[in-house]
Amino acid sequence: MARQQARRRSRERLTGIVLAVLGAVVLVVAVVALTQQKGSKQDAAGSSPAASTGATSSATRPSTSASRSTGTSTSASRSARPSDTSGSSTSTGGAEKLPLVILNNTTTNGLATQAAERFRNGGWRVDDIGNLTDDILSTCVYYDPDVDGAKAAAAALRAQFPGIQRSTEKFDGLPSGPLVVVLTSDYTSG
């Protein structure tokens, strides 16, 4: 009888240990999944580095590349030809429509291409589209503070397209250009 109770206690302890280990594994998997869910979005959406969870983006490392929607690869720091705005710029509430770079930071294929078409239809020039993997939490237009009128143009773009949640200064690692729109999973075409 004592031997059976000892075996029973041993099985109960072993069962408890297995359940504790299984619970810890489930917790780790859940944390990793939630963290990667924010960072694995590959069609442009924006957030400031302060809103990041601390993971570095592929766009902030100069040796990495961002995939273009055509399947070819381009450097994330590639120039977007910001100086050639003659002829295509128009005025919106006093703000010049500067050229855009659109980055898809979601898993939705073609989102940057669709958004670029909407921006073009709204009178904006799109110089480049591509993908970005970063911990950007909401769709954002990043403006270059060194370009005259970029902040006002970012505000005008946001006003015209409410799917862009916010605007802020560009951070190192984004492609060059006066305005970079990063689309995240919260982006809507409305």
Protein backbone atom coordinates (compact mmCIF):
# COMPACT_ATOMS: atom_id res chain seq x y z
CA MET A 1 0.00 0.00 0.00
CA ALA A 2 2.80 2.44 0.89
CA ARG A 3 4.54 1.52 -2.35
CA GLN A 4 1.41 2.40 -4.39
CA GLN A 5 1.10 5.75 -2.62
CA ALA A 6 4.76 6.51 -3.32
CA ARG A 7 4.27 5.71 -7.04
CA ARG A 8 1.14 7.82 -7.11
CA ARG A 9 2.93 10.80 -5.53
CA SER A 10 5.80 10.33 -7.95
CA ARG A 11 3.40 10.36 -10.93
CA GLU A 12 1.62 13.42 -9.56
CA ARG A 13 4.93 15.26 -9.16
CA LEU A 14 5.99 14.28 -12.66
CA THR A 15 2.62 15.39 -14.05
CA GLY A 16 2.96 18.72 -12.22
CA ILE A 17 6.45 19.29 -13.60
CA VAL A 18 5.33 18.43 -17.14
CA LEU A 19 2.38 20.83 -16.86
CA ALA A 20 4.61 23.61 -15.51
CA VAL A 21 7.12 23.16 -18.36
CA LEU A 22 4.30 23.03 -20.92
CA GLY A 23 2.81 26.23 -19.49
CA ALA A 24 6.19 27.98 -19.69
CA VAL A 25 6.61 26.88 -23.33
CA VAL A 26 3.13 28.16 -24.22
CA LEU A 27 3.92 31.49 -22.54
CA VAL A 28 7.20 31.87 -24.45
CA VAL A 29 5.53 31.00 -27.76
CA ALA A 30 2.75 33.53 -27.10
CA VAL A 31 5.24 36.31 -26.29
CA VAL A 32 7.31 35.56 -29.39
CA ALA A 33 4.19 35.42 -31.59
CA LEU A 34 2.90 38.76 -30.31
CA THR A 35 6.30 40.40 -30.73
CA GLN A 36 6.79 39.08 -34.26
CA GLN A 37 3.22 39.94 -35.24
CA LYS A 38 4.10 43.63 -34.91
CA GLY A 39 7.48 43.32 -36.62
CA SER A 40 6.65 40.93 -39.46
CA LYS A 41 4.29 43.24 -41.31
CA GLN A 42 5.92 43.79 -44.68
CA ASP A 43 3.84 46.45 -46.47
CA ALA A 44 4.43 49.97 -45.35
CA ALA A 45 3.00 51.30 -42.12
CA GLY A 46 4.54 53.84 -39.84
CA SER A 47 5.58 54.51 -36.31
CA SER A 48 8.28 56.42 -34.60
CA PRO A 49 11.23 54.62 -33.11
CA ALA A 50 9.85 55.53 -29.69
CA ALA A 51 6.80 53.40 -30.45
CA SER A 52 9.00 50.44 -31.36
CA THR A 53 9.32 47.50 -29.05
CA GLY A 54 13.09 47.67 -29.28
CA ALA A 55 13.70 45.34 -32.21
CA THR A 56 15.77 46.83 -34.97
CA SER A 57 14.28 47.17 -38.39
CA SER A 58 15.76 45.90 -41.58
CA ALA A 59 15.52 49.46 -42.84
CA THR A 60 17.81 50.77 -40.09
CA ARG A 61 20.66 48.47 -41.05
CA PRO A 62 22.33 49.86 -44.16
CA SER A 63 23.50 46.46 -45.40
CA THR A 64 19.98 45.02 -45.54
CA SER A 65 17.53 45.54 -48.36
CA ALA A 66 13.85 46.18 -48.79
CA SER A 67 11.95 44.15 -51.37
CA ARG A 68 10.13 46.05 -54.05
CA SER A 69 6.69 44.98 -55.14
CA THR A 70 8.18 43.80 -58.43
CA GLY A 71 10.13 41.11 -56.62
CA THR A 72 13.51 42.74 -57.17
CA SER A 73 15.59 43.94 -54.30
CA THR A 74 16.58 47.52 -53.59
CA SER A 75 18.50 49.10 -50.78
CA ALA A 76 16.30 50.58 -48.07
CA SER A 77 18.43 53.71 -48.15
CA ARG A 78 18.01 54.23 -51.92
CA SER A 79 17.28 57.75 -53.12
CA ALA A 80 13.72 58.64 -54.02
CA ARG A 81 14.68 61.59 -56.24
CA PRO A 82 13.26 64.27 -53.88
CA SER A 83 14.62 67.24 -55.78
CA ASP A 84 12.67 66.75 -59.01
CA THR A 85 9.23 68.06 -58.08
CA SER A 86 8.62 70.48 -60.91
CA GLY A 87 5.48 70.02 -62.95
CA SER A 88 3.82 67.47 -60.67
CA SER A 89 3.56 69.49 -57.49
CA THR A 90 0.33 71.23 -56.69
CA SER A 91 -0.84 73.26 -53.76
CA THR A 92 -3.05 71.81 -51.02
CA GLY A 93 -4.05 74.33 -48.41
CA GLY A 94 -0.77 76.15 -48.94
CA ALA A 95 1.33 72.97 -48.69
CA GLU A 96 3.33 71.74 -51.67
CA LYS A 97 2.71 68.11 -52.64
CA LEU A 98 6.19 66.62 -52.32
CA PRO A 99 7.11 63.19 -53.78
CA LEU A 100 6.33 60.09 -51.71
CA VAL A 101 8.04 56.79 -50.96
CA ILE A 102 5.51 54.13 -49.90
CA LEU A 103 6.62 51.16 -47.75
CA ASN A 104 4.48 48.13 -46.91
CA ASN A 105 5.07 47.01 -43.31
CA THR A 106 2.33 44.33 -43.35
CA THR A 107 1.91 40.79 -44.64
CA THR A 108 -0.66 42.02 -47.19
CA ASN A 109 0.91 41.61 -50.62
CA GLY A 110 0.57 44.62 -52.89
CA LEU A 111 -0.65 47.04 -50.22
CA ALA A 112 2.01 49.64 -51.08
CA THR A 113 1.09 49.41 -54.76
CA GLN A 114 -2.61 49.92 -53.99
CA ALA A 115 -1.88 52.82 -51.67
CA ALA A 116 0.49 54.39 -54.23
CA GLU A 117 -2.31 54.36 -56.80
CA ARG A 118 -4.65 56.09 -54.34
CA PHE A 119 -2.03 58.75 -53.59
CA ARG A 120 -1.41 59.30 -57.30
CA ASN A 121 -5.15 59.65 -57.90
CA GLY A 122 -5.14 62.25 -55.13
CA GLY A 123 -2.55 64.31 -56.98
CA TRP A 124 0.63 63.12 -55.23
CA ARG A 125 3.74 61.89 -56.99
CA VAL A 126 5.03 58.49 -55.85
CA ASP A 127 8.72 57.97 -56.60
CA ASP A 128 9.18 54.53 -55.09
CA ILE A 129 7.37 51.67 -53.36
CA GLY A 130 8.74 48.78 -51.36
CA ASN A 131 8.52 46.69 -48.23
CA LEU A 132 9.75 47.26 -44.70
CA THR A 133 9.98 45.00 -41.66
CA ASP A 134 9.98 47.04 -38.47
CA ASP A 135 8.10 47.39 -35.18
CA ILE A 136 6.06 50.32 -36.41
CA LEU A 137 2.71 50.36 -34.64
CA SER A 138 0.54 52.58 -36.82
CA THR A 139 0.47 53.96 -40.34
CA CYS A 140 2.60 57.08 -40.45
CA VAL A 141 4.01 59.62 -42.87
CA TYR A 142 7.60 60.43 -41.98
CA TYR A 143 8.91 63.79 -43.19
CA ASP A 144 12.45 65.02 -43.67
CA PRO A 145 12.87 68.05 -41.37
CA ASP A 146 15.67 69.34 -43.62
CA VAL A 147 13.34 69.71 -46.63
CA ASP A 148 11.41 72.98 -46.80
CA GLY A 149 7.67 72.37 -46.58
CA ALA A 150 7.97 68.65 -45.77
CA LYS A 151 6.19 68.95 -42.42
CA ALA A 152 3.31 70.91 -43.99
CA ALA A 153 3.12 68.43 -46.88
CA ALA A 154 2.94 65.53 -44.40
CA ALA A 155 0.07 67.27 -42.59
CA ALA A 156 -1.72 67.86 -45.91
CA LEU A 157 -1.28 64.20 -46.88
CA ARG A 158 -2.74 63.09 -43.54
CA ALA A 159 -5.67 65.45 -43.93
CA GLN A 160 -6.37 64.14 -47.42
CA PHE A 161 -5.95 60.45 -46.45
CA PRO A 162 -7.35 59.70 -42.96
CA GLY A 163 -5.93 56.16 -43.15
CA ILE A 164 -2.59 57.73 -42.24
CA GLN A 165 -2.74 57.84 -38.45
CA ARG A 166 0.09 60.26 -37.71
CA SER A 167 3.11 62.15 -39.00
CA THR A 168 6.52 62.60 -37.46
CA GLU A 169 10.16 63.28 -38.38
CA LYS A 170 12.00 60.54 -40.25
CA PHE A 171 14.34 58.25 -38.35
CA ASP A 172 17.69 56.94 -39.59
CA GLY A 173 17.34 53.96 -41.88
CA LEU A 174 14.30 55.06 -43.86
CA PRO A 175 14.84 55.61 -47.59
CA SER A 176 15.71 59.12 -48.68
CA GLY A 177 12.95 61.39 -49.83
CA PRO A 178 10.97 64.23 -48.33
CA LEU A 179 8.00 62.02 -47.35
CA VAL A 180 8.01 58.29 -46.55
CA VAL A 181 4.66 56.63 -45.86
CA VAL A 182 4.88 53.41 -43.87
CA LEU A 183 1.71 51.33 -44.02
CA THR A 184 0.81 49.05 -41.10
CA SER A 185 -2.09 46.69 -40.46
CA ASP A 186 -4.25 49.61 -39.31
CA TYR A 187 -4.11 51.25 -42.75
CA THR A 188 -7.45 51.65 -44.46
CA SER A 189 -8.14 53.16 -47.83
CA GLY A 190 -10.83 55.41 -46.37
